[in-house]
Structures are given as C-alpha cells and as structure tokens.
Amino acid sequence: MLPLRTDRLLLYPCRLPLLTEIYLEHPHASETLGAYIPADWPQPDLKEQLPHFIELLQHDPKSFPWMLWIIVSVAEKKVLGDAGFKGRPDKNGVVEIGYSILPEYRRMGYMEEAAAALVDWAFQQPHVKKLIAECDVTNIASMKVLQKLGMRETGASGEMLHWYLLNK
C-alpha cells in the first residue's frame, strides 16, 4: 500500500503532478504531501535531476513508482529527504537505489529506515532480482546504510564504490 509507512516515516512515491509542483516550488506540493517542505529541499543534486524525472514520466508513465520517493517524518509532518530508484528494473530484474537526507536529520537512523522500506517494497515487486547502489568512497554514512541493508560491495570505479543485494 502506498505510501509506505515505517515506525517514524511515510514514503511517498511521486507522480508527475507532484514532481512538477516540487520542481516549480509550487505551494500545493506541501498540501499534497500533508507536510512542510523545508527551503533547503530538494537539495541541489535532486533539483538538477527533477527535469529528467519529469520528462521520463511524461514519456514512460510506467516509470512510476520507480523514481523519486519523498521521506516525511510522521511526528513532525516535515520532508526529511528523498530516496528512490534510477528507473524501472531492467530486463535482468536489476534496479538501482539512491537516497539523500537533509543534513540536520543525518545520523538518526532515518535513512536506514527509509531505505529498508524501499528495499522490502522493491523485492516484493514482480521480476526484481537484484538491487544495486553506488556511493562515493568518502561517504562513510552511506556505506553504513548500504551495509545495514545487507548489501555487499563489488568494487570501485574512480571515486565510486558499487554494491549489490540479491532478492531471496
């Protein structure tokens, strides 16, 4: 059932209208989510990717919900960050996960909680056999999240470490 709910979080997958509202910084996005959207969210990397997500959903509606999910605190009714996938699973059942949380909410377990919910959701979907991720070699916090999810490091290319987790 969407949104996904954990002990402390709600994870909302973004349909095209919500993505557009977020990109345009329209106040209705906050109403749609039922949550306050901080001025520093979306962060620069996501802000840069939003036009690509919008275009992809316009041309491939089946990409929903394999894109952006918004992480909302149940207690604060506030956007804490985002997570999601870099598109639909490929023909081999592989999907890549990514995530980001606002700096003031780091080291509180929120990202592990959100990512675990998304991993569980992804592995319940037909044809998903493998989850992959990458993180910068200096991003210790992200490495810890990936390790706690049970992912295994497969190696590095440049400044990026690569990870995987197989569906059981």
C-alpha atoms as a PDB file:
ATOM      1  CA  MET A   1       0.000   0.000   0.000  1.00  0.00           C
ATOM      2  CA  LEU A   2       1.323   3.441  -0.877  1.00  0.00           C
ATOM      3  CA  PRO A   3       2.611   5.494   0.794  1.00  0.00           C
ATOM      4  CA  LEU A   4       4.976   3.164   2.603  1.00  0.00           C
ATOM      5  CA  ARG A   5       4.910   3.560   6.365  1.00  0.00           C
ATOM      6  CA  THR A   6       7.640   2.769   8.876  1.00  0.00           C
ATOM      7  CA  ASP A   7       7.730   3.464  12.607  1.00  0.00           C
ATOM      8  CA  ARG A   8       8.688   7.113  12.082  1.00  0.00           C
ATOM      9  CA  LEU A   9       8.301   7.807   8.383  1.00  0.00           C
ATOM     10  CA  LEU A  10       5.988   7.964   5.415  1.00  0.00           C
ATOM     11  CA  LEU A  11       7.499   7.436   1.962  1.00  0.00           C
ATOM     12  CA  TYR A  12       5.504   8.946  -0.887  1.00  0.00           C
ATOM     13  CA  PRO A  13       6.211   7.935  -4.488  1.00  0.00           C
ATOM     14  CA  CYS A  14       5.990  10.935  -6.810  1.00  0.00           C
ATOM     15  CA  ARG A  15       3.578  11.005  -9.693  1.00  0.00           C
ATOM     16  CA  LEU A  16       4.083  13.556 -12.457  1.00  0.00           C
ATOM     17  CA  PRO A  17       1.889  16.340 -10.978  1.00  0.00           C
ATOM     18  CA  LEU A  18       3.717  16.238  -7.630  1.00  0.00           C
ATOM     19  CA  LEU A  19       7.135  16.126  -9.308  1.00  0.00           C
ATOM     20  CA  THR A  20       6.195  19.168 -11.366  1.00  0.00           C
ATOM     21  CA  GLU A  21       4.948  21.048  -8.295  1.00  0.00           C
ATOM     22  CA  ILE A  22       8.185  20.287  -6.462  1.00  0.00           C
ATOM     23  CA  TYR A  23      10.281  21.425  -9.406  1.00  0.00           C
ATOM     24  CA  LEU A  24       8.290  24.665  -9.733  1.00  0.00           C
ATOM     25  CA  GLU A  25       8.340  25.141  -5.931  1.00  0.00           C
ATOM     26  CA  HIS A  26       4.554  25.392  -6.006  1.00  0.00           C
ATOM     27  CA  PRO A  27       2.941  25.610  -2.530  1.00  0.00           C
ATOM     28  CA  HIS A  28       0.437  22.904  -3.477  1.00  0.00           C
ATOM     29  CA  ALA A  29       3.227  20.289  -3.180  1.00  0.00           C
ATOM     30  CA  SER A  30       3.205  20.788   0.581  1.00  0.00           C
ATOM     31  CA  GLU A  31      -0.571  20.340   0.666  1.00  0.00           C
ATOM     32  CA  THR A  32      -0.341  17.191  -1.465  1.00  0.00           C
ATOM     33  CA  LEU A  33       2.178  15.679   0.946  1.00  0.00           C
ATOM     34  CA  GLY A  34       0.489  16.998   4.062  1.00  0.00           C
ATOM     35  CA  ALA A  35       3.936  18.068   5.181  1.00  0.00           C
ATOM     36  CA  TYR A  36       6.131  21.133   5.446  1.00  0.00           C
ATOM     37  CA  ILE A  37       8.800  21.331   2.732  1.00  0.00           C
ATOM     38  CA  PRO A  38      11.990  22.972   4.057  1.00  0.00           C
ATOM     39  CA  ALA A  39      13.651  25.679   1.956  1.00  0.00           C
ATOM     40  CA  ASP A  40      16.794  23.532   1.556  1.00  0.00           C
ATOM     41  CA  TRP A  41      14.875  20.633  -0.014  1.00  0.00           C
ATOM     42  CA  PRO A  42      15.177  19.467  -2.702  1.00  0.00           C
ATOM     43  CA  GLN A  43      18.938  19.560  -2.413  1.00  0.00           C
ATOM     44  CA  PRO A  44      20.997  20.620  -5.477  1.00  0.00           C
ATOM     45  CA  ASP A  45      21.621  17.117  -6.889  1.00  0.00           C
ATOM     46  CA  LEU A  46      17.924  16.260  -6.841  1.00  0.00           C
ATOM     47  CA  LYS A  47      16.900  19.707  -8.109  1.00  0.00           C
ATOM     48  CA  GLU A  48      19.139  19.093 -11.116  1.00  0.00           C
ATOM     49  CA  GLN A  49      17.569  15.658 -11.764  1.00  0.00           C
ATOM     50  CA  LEU A  50      13.913  16.731 -11.494  1.00  0.00           C
ATOM     51  CA  PRO A  51      13.540  17.802 -15.171  1.00  0.00           C
ATOM     52  CA  HIS A  52      14.858  14.388 -16.233  1.00  0.00           C
ATOM     53  CA  PHE A  53      12.374  12.617 -13.931  1.00  0.00           C
ATOM     54  CA  ILE A  54       9.530  14.773 -15.265  1.00  0.00           C
ATOM     55  CA  GLU A  55      10.465  14.044 -18.875  1.00  0.00           C
ATOM     56  CA  LEU A  56      10.820  10.333 -18.198  1.00  0.00           C
ATOM     57  CA  LEU A  57       7.381  10.119 -16.570  1.00  0.00           C
ATOM     58  CA  GLN A  58       5.848  12.087 -19.460  1.00  0.00           C
ATOM     59  CA  HIS A  59       7.241   9.607 -21.994  1.00  0.00           C
ATOM     60  CA  ASP A  60       7.048   6.453 -19.861  1.00  0.00           C
ATOM     61  CA  PRO A  61       4.231   6.608 -17.272  1.00  0.00           C
ATOM     62  CA  LYS A  62       5.120   3.048 -16.200  1.00  0.00           C
ATOM     63  CA  SER A  63       8.284   4.525 -14.646  1.00  0.00           C
ATOM     64  CA  PHE A  64       6.055   5.364 -11.682  1.00  0.00           C
ATOM     65  CA  PRO A  65       6.851   4.413  -8.892  1.00  0.00           C
ATOM     66  CA  TRP A  66      10.429   3.577  -9.934  1.00  0.00           C
ATOM     67  CA  MET A  67      11.719   7.086  -9.415  1.00  0.00           C
ATOM     68  CA  LEU A  68      11.547   9.627  -6.603  1.00  0.00           C
ATOM     69  CA  TRP A  69      10.044   8.861  -3.191  1.00  0.00           C
ATOM     70  CA  ILE A  70       9.757  11.625  -0.592  1.00  0.00           C
ATOM     71  CA  ILE A  71      10.623  10.889   3.033  1.00  0.00           C
ATOM     72  CA  VAL A  72       8.293  12.565   5.529  1.00  0.00           C
ATOM     73  CA  SER A  73       8.528  12.490   9.312  1.00  0.00           C
ATOM     74  CA  VAL A  74       5.261  11.261  10.809  1.00  0.00           C
ATOM     75  CA  ALA A  75       5.840  13.195  14.047  1.00  0.00           C
ATOM     76  CA  GLU A  76       6.991  16.486  12.518  1.00  0.00           C
ATOM     77  CA  LYS A  77       4.968  16.327   9.279  1.00  0.00           C
ATOM     78  CA  LYS A  78       8.095  17.563   7.530  1.00  0.00           C
ATOM     79  CA  VAL A  79      10.082  16.438   4.480  1.00  0.00           C
ATOM     80  CA  LEU A  80      13.400  14.987   5.683  1.00  0.00           C
ATOM     81  CA  GLY A  81      14.839  13.854   2.370  1.00  0.00           C
ATOM     82  CA  ASP A  82      14.283  11.599  -0.589  1.00  0.00           C
ATOM     83  CA  ALA A  83      15.040   8.138  -1.839  1.00  0.00           C
ATOM     84  CA  GLY A  84      14.088   6.063  -4.799  1.00  0.00           C
ATOM     85  CA  PHE A  85      15.253   4.253  -7.849  1.00  0.00           C
ATOM     86  CA  LYS A  86      17.032   5.260 -11.020  1.00  0.00           C
ATOM     87  CA  GLY A  87      14.306   3.887 -13.256  1.00  0.00           C
ATOM     88  CA  ARG A  88      12.362   0.681 -13.722  1.00  0.00           C
ATOM     89  CA  PRO A  89      14.040  -2.701 -13.260  1.00  0.00           C
ATOM     90  CA  ASP A  90      16.000  -3.716 -16.351  1.00  0.00           C
ATOM     91  CA  LYS A  91      15.385  -6.929 -18.354  1.00  0.00           C
ATOM     92  CA  ASN A  92      17.534  -8.844 -15.832  1.00  0.00           C
ATOM     93  CA  GLY A  93      15.472  -7.633 -12.868  1.00  0.00           C
ATOM     94  CA  VAL A  94      18.132  -5.184 -11.653  1.00  0.00           C
ATOM     95  CA  VAL A  95      17.160  -1.842 -10.140  1.00  0.00           C
ATOM     96  CA  GLU A  96      19.389   0.854  -8.634  1.00  0.00           C
ATOM     97  CA  ILE A  97      18.551   2.636  -5.383  1.00  0.00           C
ATOM     98  CA  GLY A  98      19.665   6.100  -4.320  1.00  0.00           C
ATOM     99  CA  TYR A  99      18.911   8.394  -1.397  1.00  0.00           C
ATOM    100  CA  SER A 100      19.619  11.690   0.321  1.00  0.00           C
ATOM    101  CA  ILE A 101      18.653  13.212   3.633  1.00  0.00           C
ATOM    102  CA  LEU A 102      18.848  16.788   4.865  1.00  0.00           C
ATOM    103  CA  PRO A 103      21.985  17.372   6.957  1.00  0.00           C
ATOM    104  CA  GLU A 104      20.133  18.077  10.209  1.00  0.00           C
ATOM    105  CA  TYR A 105      18.492  14.627  10.054  1.00  0.00           C
ATOM    106  CA  ARG A 106      21.637  12.596   9.458  1.00  0.00           C
ATOM    107  CA  ARG A 107      22.918  10.043  11.991  1.00  0.00           C
ATOM    108  CA  MET A 108      19.428   9.458  13.384  1.00  0.00           C
ATOM    109  CA  GLY A 109      18.637   6.225  11.535  1.00  0.00           C
ATOM    110  CA  TYR A 110      16.078   7.802   9.218  1.00  0.00           C
ATOM    111  CA  MET A 111      17.865   6.863   6.007  1.00  0.00           C
ATOM    112  CA  GLU A 112      18.375   3.267   7.047  1.00  0.00           C
ATOM    113  CA  GLU A 113      14.677   3.068   7.965  1.00  0.00           C
ATOM    114  CA  ALA A 114      13.546   4.608   4.667  1.00  0.00           C
ATOM    115  CA  ALA A 115      15.964   2.602   2.506  1.00  0.00           C
ATOM    116  CA  ALA A 116      14.994  -0.665   4.214  1.00  0.00           C
ATOM    117  CA  ALA A 117      11.318   0.033   3.471  1.00  0.00           C
ATOM    118  CA  LEU A 118      12.125   0.697  -0.190  1.00  0.00           C
ATOM    119  CA  VAL A 119      14.268  -2.434  -0.469  1.00  0.00           C
ATOM    120  CA  ASP A 120      11.451  -4.527   1.012  1.00  0.00           C
ATOM    121  CA  TRP A 121       8.955  -2.918  -1.359  1.00  0.00           C
ATOM    122  CA  ALA A 122      11.199  -3.423  -4.409  1.00  0.00           C
ATOM    123  CA  PHE A 123      11.768  -7.100  -3.648  1.00  0.00           C
ATOM    124  CA  GLN A 124       8.009  -7.638  -3.402  1.00  0.00           C
ATOM    125  CA  GLN A 125       7.593  -6.417  -6.986  1.00  0.00           C
ATOM    126  CA  PRO A 126       7.485  -8.968  -9.810  1.00  0.00           C
ATOM    127  CA  HIS A 127      10.735  -9.551 -11.661  1.00  0.00           C
ATOM    128  CA  VAL A 128      13.044  -7.671  -9.232  1.00  0.00           C
ATOM    129  CA  LYS A 129      16.003  -9.961  -8.636  1.00  0.00           C
ATOM    130  CA  LYS A 130      18.829  -7.640  -7.688  1.00  0.00           C
ATOM    131  CA  LEU A 131      19.262  -4.226  -6.139  1.00  0.00           C
ATOM    132  CA  ILE A 132      22.386  -2.187  -6.838  1.00  0.00           C
ATOM    133  CA  ALA A 133      23.764   1.066  -5.458  1.00  0.00           C
ATOM    134  CA  GLU A 134      26.806   3.250  -5.647  1.00  0.00           C
ATOM    135  CA  CYS A 135      28.323   5.746  -3.255  1.00  0.00           C
ATOM    136  CA  ASP A 136      31.343   7.999  -3.111  1.00  0.00           C
ATOM    137  CA  VAL A 137      34.371   6.364  -1.475  1.00  0.00           C
ATOM    138  CA  THR A 138      34.385   9.157   1.129  1.00  0.00           C
ATOM    139  CA  ASN A 139      30.706   8.805   2.081  1.00  0.00           C
ATOM    140  CA  ILE A 140      31.056   6.685   5.223  1.00  0.00           C
ATOM    141  CA  ALA A 141      27.446   7.291   6.311  1.00  0.00           C
ATOM    142  CA  SER A 142      26.081   5.972   3.016  1.00  0.00           C
ATOM    143  CA  MET A 143      28.369   2.950   3.197  1.00  0.00           C
ATOM    144  CA  LYS A 144      26.992   2.166   6.655  1.00  0.00           C
ATOM    145  CA  VAL A 145      23.410   2.382   5.355  1.00  0.00           C
ATOM    146  CA  LEU A 146      24.224   0.017   2.494  1.00  0.00           C
ATOM    147  CA  GLN A 147      25.953  -2.420   4.866  1.00  0.00           C
ATOM    148  CA  LYS A 148      22.984  -2.369   7.264  1.00  0.00           C
ATOM    149  CA  LEU A 149      20.716  -3.178   4.326  1.00  0.00           C
ATOM    150  CA  GLY A 150      22.809  -6.297   3.779  1.00  0.00           C
ATOM    151  CA  MET A 151      24.358  -5.069   0.547  1.00  0.00           C
ATOM    152  CA  ARG A 152      27.784  -6.289  -0.495  1.00  0.00           C
ATOM    153  CA  GLU A 153      30.494  -4.169  -2.040  1.00  0.00           C
ATOM    154  CA  THR A 154      31.508  -5.338  -5.512  1.00  0.00           C
ATOM    155  CA  GLY A 155      34.371  -2.958  -6.206  1.00  0.00           C
ATOM    156  CA  ALA A 156      35.156   0.588  -7.211  1.00  0.00           C
ATOM    157  CA  SER A 157      35.378   2.670 -10.344  1.00  0.00           C
ATOM    158  CA  GLY A 158      37.018   6.024  -9.896  1.00  0.00           C
ATOM    159  CA  GLU A 159      35.650   7.616  -6.747  1.00  0.00           C
ATOM    160  CA  MET A 160      32.548   5.374  -6.592  1.00  0.00           C
ATOM    161  CA  LEU A 161      32.016   2.130  -4.710  1.00  0.00           C
ATOM    162  CA  HIS A 162      29.498  -0.334  -6.168  1.00  0.00           C
ATOM    163  CA  TRP A 163      27.127  -2.500  -4.117  1.00  0.00           C
ATOM    164  CA  TYR A 164      24.504  -5.201  -4.675  1.00  0.00           C
ATOM    165  CA  LEU A 165      21.844  -7.215  -2.860  1.00  0.00           C
ATOM    166  CA  LEU A 166      20.081 -10.269  -4.289  1.00  0.00           C
ATOM    167  CA  ASN A 167      16.392 -10.957  -3.762  1.00  0.00           C
ATOM    168  CA  LYS A 168      15.922 -14.059  -1.626  1.00  0.00           C
END
